[in-house]
Protein backbone atom coordinates (compact mmCIF):
# COMPACT_ATOMS: atom_id res chain seq x y z
CA MET A 1 -37.92 -46.48 -4.16
CA GLU A 2 -35.36 -43.52 -4.63
CA SER A 3 -36.16 -43.27 -8.34
CA MET A 4 -39.82 -43.03 -7.49
CA ASP A 5 -39.17 -40.09 -5.14
CA LEU A 6 -37.16 -38.44 -8.03
CA ASP A 7 -39.83 -39.04 -10.29
CA ILE A 8 -42.53 -37.45 -8.05
CA ARG A 9 -40.10 -34.55 -7.43
CA SER A 10 -39.97 -34.23 -11.26
CA ILE A 11 -43.62 -34.13 -11.77
CA GLU A 12 -43.86 -31.58 -9.02
CA LYS A 13 -41.45 -29.47 -10.86
CA ILE A 14 -43.63 -29.82 -14.21
CA ARG A 15 -46.45 -28.77 -12.10
CA GLN A 16 -44.65 -25.56 -11.25
CA GLY A 17 -43.86 -24.83 -15.03
CA GLU A 18 -40.17 -25.95 -14.61
CA GLU A 19 -39.23 -27.75 -17.97
CA ALA A 20 -36.44 -29.18 -15.81
CA GLY A 21 -38.65 -31.83 -14.32
CA LEU A 22 -39.35 -33.04 -17.74
CA LYS A 23 -35.77 -33.24 -18.96
CA GLU A 24 -35.19 -35.27 -15.68
CA LEU A 25 -37.83 -37.79 -16.51
CA MET A 26 -36.63 -38.05 -20.09
CA SER A 27 -33.09 -38.59 -18.92
CA ARG A 28 -34.31 -41.53 -16.50
CA HIS A 29 -37.15 -43.10 -18.78
CA ARG A 30 -36.43 -42.36 -22.24
CA GLU A 31 -34.39 -45.42 -23.35
CA PRO A 32 -36.73 -48.06 -21.72
CA LEU A 33 -39.91 -46.14 -23.14
CA PHE A 34 -38.20 -45.94 -26.62
CA ARG A 35 -37.19 -49.71 -26.53
CA PHE A 36 -40.69 -50.80 -25.41
CA ILE A 37 -42.58 -48.69 -28.26
CA TYR A 38 -39.79 -49.72 -30.87
CA ARG A 39 -40.67 -53.37 -30.09
CA TYR A 40 -44.36 -52.64 -30.40
CA VAL A 41 -44.48 -50.66 -33.54
CA HIS A 42 -41.10 -51.92 -35.34
CA ASN A 43 -40.53 -48.52 -36.84
CA GLU A 44 -37.69 -46.39 -35.54
CA ALA A 45 -38.85 -43.14 -36.80
CA ASP A 46 -42.59 -43.85 -35.40
CA ALA A 47 -41.08 -45.15 -32.18
CA THR A 48 -39.07 -41.84 -31.76
CA GLU A 49 -42.45 -39.68 -32.48
CA LEU A 50 -44.33 -41.85 -30.12
CA THR A 51 -41.77 -41.54 -27.26
CA GLU A 52 -41.78 -37.79 -27.73
CA GLU A 53 -45.70 -37.79 -27.64
CA THR A 54 -45.60 -39.96 -24.51
CA PHE A 55 -43.36 -37.21 -22.78
CA PHE A 56 -45.62 -34.49 -24.24
CA ARG A 57 -48.64 -36.07 -22.74
CA VAL A 58 -46.68 -36.51 -19.44
CA TYR A 59 -46.00 -32.79 -19.53
CA GLN A 60 -49.42 -31.74 -20.61
CA ASN A 61 -51.16 -33.89 -17.95
CA ALA A 62 -48.82 -33.71 -15.04
CA ASP A 63 -51.61 -31.92 -12.86
CA ARG A 64 -53.86 -35.00 -13.45
CA PHE A 65 -51.16 -37.48 -11.97
CA ARG A 66 -52.12 -38.94 -8.73
CA PRO A 67 -49.37 -40.85 -6.99
CA LYS A 68 -51.34 -43.92 -6.61
CA ALA A 69 -49.02 -45.65 -8.75
CA LYS A 70 -45.45 -44.82 -9.93
CA VAL A 71 -44.62 -42.23 -12.39
CA SER A 72 -43.06 -44.95 -14.74
CA THR A 73 -46.22 -46.97 -14.62
CA TRP A 74 -48.32 -44.04 -15.60
CA MET A 75 -45.78 -43.18 -18.56
CA PHE A 76 -45.94 -46.82 -19.74
CA SER A 77 -49.64 -46.66 -19.78
CA ILE A 78 -49.56 -43.66 -21.97
CA ALA A 79 -47.20 -45.23 -24.23
CA GLY A 80 -49.12 -48.42 -24.56
CA ASN A 81 -52.42 -46.46 -25.26
CA LEU A 82 -50.47 -44.62 -27.87
CA CYS A 83 -48.99 -47.72 -29.50
CA ARG A 84 -52.57 -49.12 -29.70
CA ASP A 85 -53.93 -46.16 -31.27
CA TYR A 86 -51.02 -45.97 -33.76
CA LEU A 87 -51.59 -49.49 -34.93
CA ARG A 88 -55.30 -48.96 -35.39
CA LYS A 89 -54.47 -46.12 -37.68
CA ASN A 90 -51.98 -47.86 -39.39
CA LYS A 91 -53.18 -51.32 -39.79
CA LYS A 92 -52.37 -51.63 -43.59
CA ARG A 93 -48.86 -49.98 -43.05
CA LYS A 94 -46.02 -52.48 -42.71
CA GLY A 95 -43.46 -51.86 -39.92
CA ASP A 96 -39.75 -51.22 -40.57
CA LEU A 97 -38.36 -54.46 -39.46
CA SER A 98 -34.59 -53.44 -39.80
CA LEU A 99 -32.17 -55.89 -38.27
CA ASP A 100 -29.62 -53.06 -37.94
CA ALA A 101 -31.65 -50.61 -35.78
CA LYS A 102 -29.93 -49.87 -32.39
CA ILE A 103 -32.05 -51.10 -29.48
CA ASP A 104 -29.56 -50.00 -26.62
CA GLU A 105 -27.85 -46.64 -27.15
CA THR A 106 -25.72 -46.87 -24.30
CA SER A 107 -24.25 -50.37 -25.17
CA GLY A 108 -24.30 -49.97 -28.96
CA VAL A 109 -25.66 -53.18 -29.28
CA GLN A 110 -27.49 -53.93 -32.74
CA ARG A 111 -29.97 -56.55 -33.32
CA GLY A 112 -27.74 -57.93 -35.84
CA ASP A 113 -25.02 -58.22 -33.36
CA THR A 114 -26.73 -60.87 -31.50
CA LEU A 115 -27.03 -63.06 -34.66
CA ALA A 116 -23.72 -62.69 -36.18
CA SER A 117 -20.97 -65.01 -35.06
CA ASP A 118 -17.53 -65.83 -36.51
CA ALA A 119 -18.56 -69.63 -36.27
CA ARG A 120 -21.68 -69.11 -38.53
CA ASN A 121 -21.72 -69.31 -42.23
CA PRO A 122 -23.56 -67.07 -44.35
CA GLU A 123 -26.31 -69.58 -44.98
CA GLU A 124 -26.70 -70.06 -40.97
CA THR A 125 -26.86 -66.24 -40.59
CA THR A 126 -29.50 -65.80 -43.31
CA ARG A 127 -31.56 -68.67 -41.78
CA SER A 128 -31.39 -66.94 -38.34
CA ASN A 129 -32.33 -63.59 -39.78
CA GLU A 130 -35.26 -65.15 -41.54
CA SER A 131 -36.31 -66.73 -38.14
CA LEU A 132 -35.80 -63.49 -36.29
CA LYS A 133 -38.06 -61.79 -38.80
CA ALA A 134 -40.77 -64.32 -38.60
CA ILE A 135 -40.72 -64.12 -34.83
CA GLU A 136 -41.07 -60.37 -35.00
CA ALA A 137 -43.77 -60.66 -37.51
CA ALA A 138 -45.69 -63.36 -35.23
CA ILE A 139 -45.50 -60.82 -32.43
CA GLN A 140 -47.10 -58.25 -34.44
CA THR A 141 -50.16 -60.45 -35.00
CA LEU A 142 -50.84 -60.63 -31.33
CA PRO A 143 -53.93 -58.38 -30.20
CA HIS A 144 -52.96 -55.43 -28.18
CA LYS A 145 -54.19 -57.11 -24.81
CA LEU A 146 -51.69 -60.00 -25.47
CA ARG A 147 -48.91 -58.02 -27.25
CA PHE A 148 -48.54 -55.38 -24.42
CA PRO A 149 -47.64 -57.82 -21.47
CA PHE A 150 -45.67 -59.98 -23.78
CA ILE A 151 -43.39 -57.26 -24.75
CA PHE A 152 -43.37 -55.53 -21.46
CA CYS A 153 -42.49 -58.64 -19.30
CA ILE A 154 -41.02 -61.04 -21.66
CA LEU A 155 -38.95 -58.92 -24.01
CA GLU A 156 -38.31 -55.95 -21.77
CA GLY A 157 -37.90 -57.95 -18.48
CA ASN A 158 -40.30 -55.90 -16.30
CA SER A 159 -42.21 -58.00 -13.64
CA TYR A 160 -45.72 -59.28 -13.90
CA ASP A 161 -46.77 -57.08 -10.94
CA ALA A 162 -45.55 -53.82 -12.69
CA CYS A 163 -47.41 -54.80 -15.98
CA ALA A 164 -50.67 -55.37 -13.78
CA GLU A 165 -50.12 -51.95 -12.25
CA VAL A 166 -49.74 -50.39 -15.86
CA LEU A 167 -52.78 -52.29 -17.22
CA LYS A 168 -54.80 -51.75 -14.03
CA THR A 169 -55.52 -55.42 -13.62
CA ASN A 170 -54.12 -58.22 -11.53
CA ARG A 171 -51.03 -60.49 -11.73
CA LYS A 172 -53.24 -63.47 -12.50
CA THR A 173 -54.73 -61.65 -15.63
CA VAL A 174 -51.20 -60.78 -16.76
CA GLU A 175 -50.07 -64.34 -16.36
CA THR A 176 -52.91 -65.62 -18.33
CA ARG A 177 -52.42 -63.08 -21.18
CA ILE A 178 -48.63 -64.05 -21.47
CA TYR A 179 -49.48 -67.63 -21.57
CA ARG A 180 -52.10 -67.03 -24.33
CA ALA A 181 -49.47 -64.95 -26.10
CA ARG A 182 -46.92 -67.79 -25.96
CA LYS A 183 -49.37 -70.25 -27.08
CA GLN A 184 -50.51 -68.02 -30.28
CA LEU A 185 -46.84 -67.59 -31.08
CA ARG A 186 -46.04 -71.16 -30.66
CA GLU A 187 -48.80 -72.08 -33.00
CA ALA A 188 -48.10 -69.29 -35.48
CA LEU A 189 -44.28 -70.16 -35.65
CA SER A 190 -44.84 -74.18 -35.70
CA GLU A 191 -46.89 -73.80 -38.77
CA LEU A 192 -44.11 -71.51 -40.46
CA PHE A 193 -41.25 -73.46 -39.63
CA GLN A 194 -43.06 -76.92 -40.64
CA GLU A 195 -43.41 -75.24 -44.33
CA VAL A 196 -39.61 -74.87 -44.29
């Protein structure tokens, strides 16, 4: 609740022409927005650009924000729309699936760190890396209406209710979409791993 009050105050500062309000929002929300966008587009440079564009739109449209929802909900809605538009424009372009890209700047955890282990030999690590790439590729095939809630809730750990608020729908719809996303991913991955 306190973060929501701080976010509303930051929006008020932006409305009054104070850039400090935008800097406050960026310090509180840049990392979760970047993580979400990166998982959506799988390209670090584009995720950085889309994160910046999200904050630019927040700054540009602060006068239009109505406190029916949380500021963070509004920002994720903007980010989701930007991701959807980005993917439409870049359908033929393949994403950067680097396993070394940082996903958490504060802890320095890297994707490769979660796979690497002293107990594994190089062959097991290679198989794990290939499995991770297959999972990431399968997520990329999900349509926007399934991908958004799957990434937002399952990968990023947000609540179904928060997702419903961002998507302007109800919790049951979010649950259904996540169920369908999981089903599609299971089917895609079971076919892939049967071939191995």
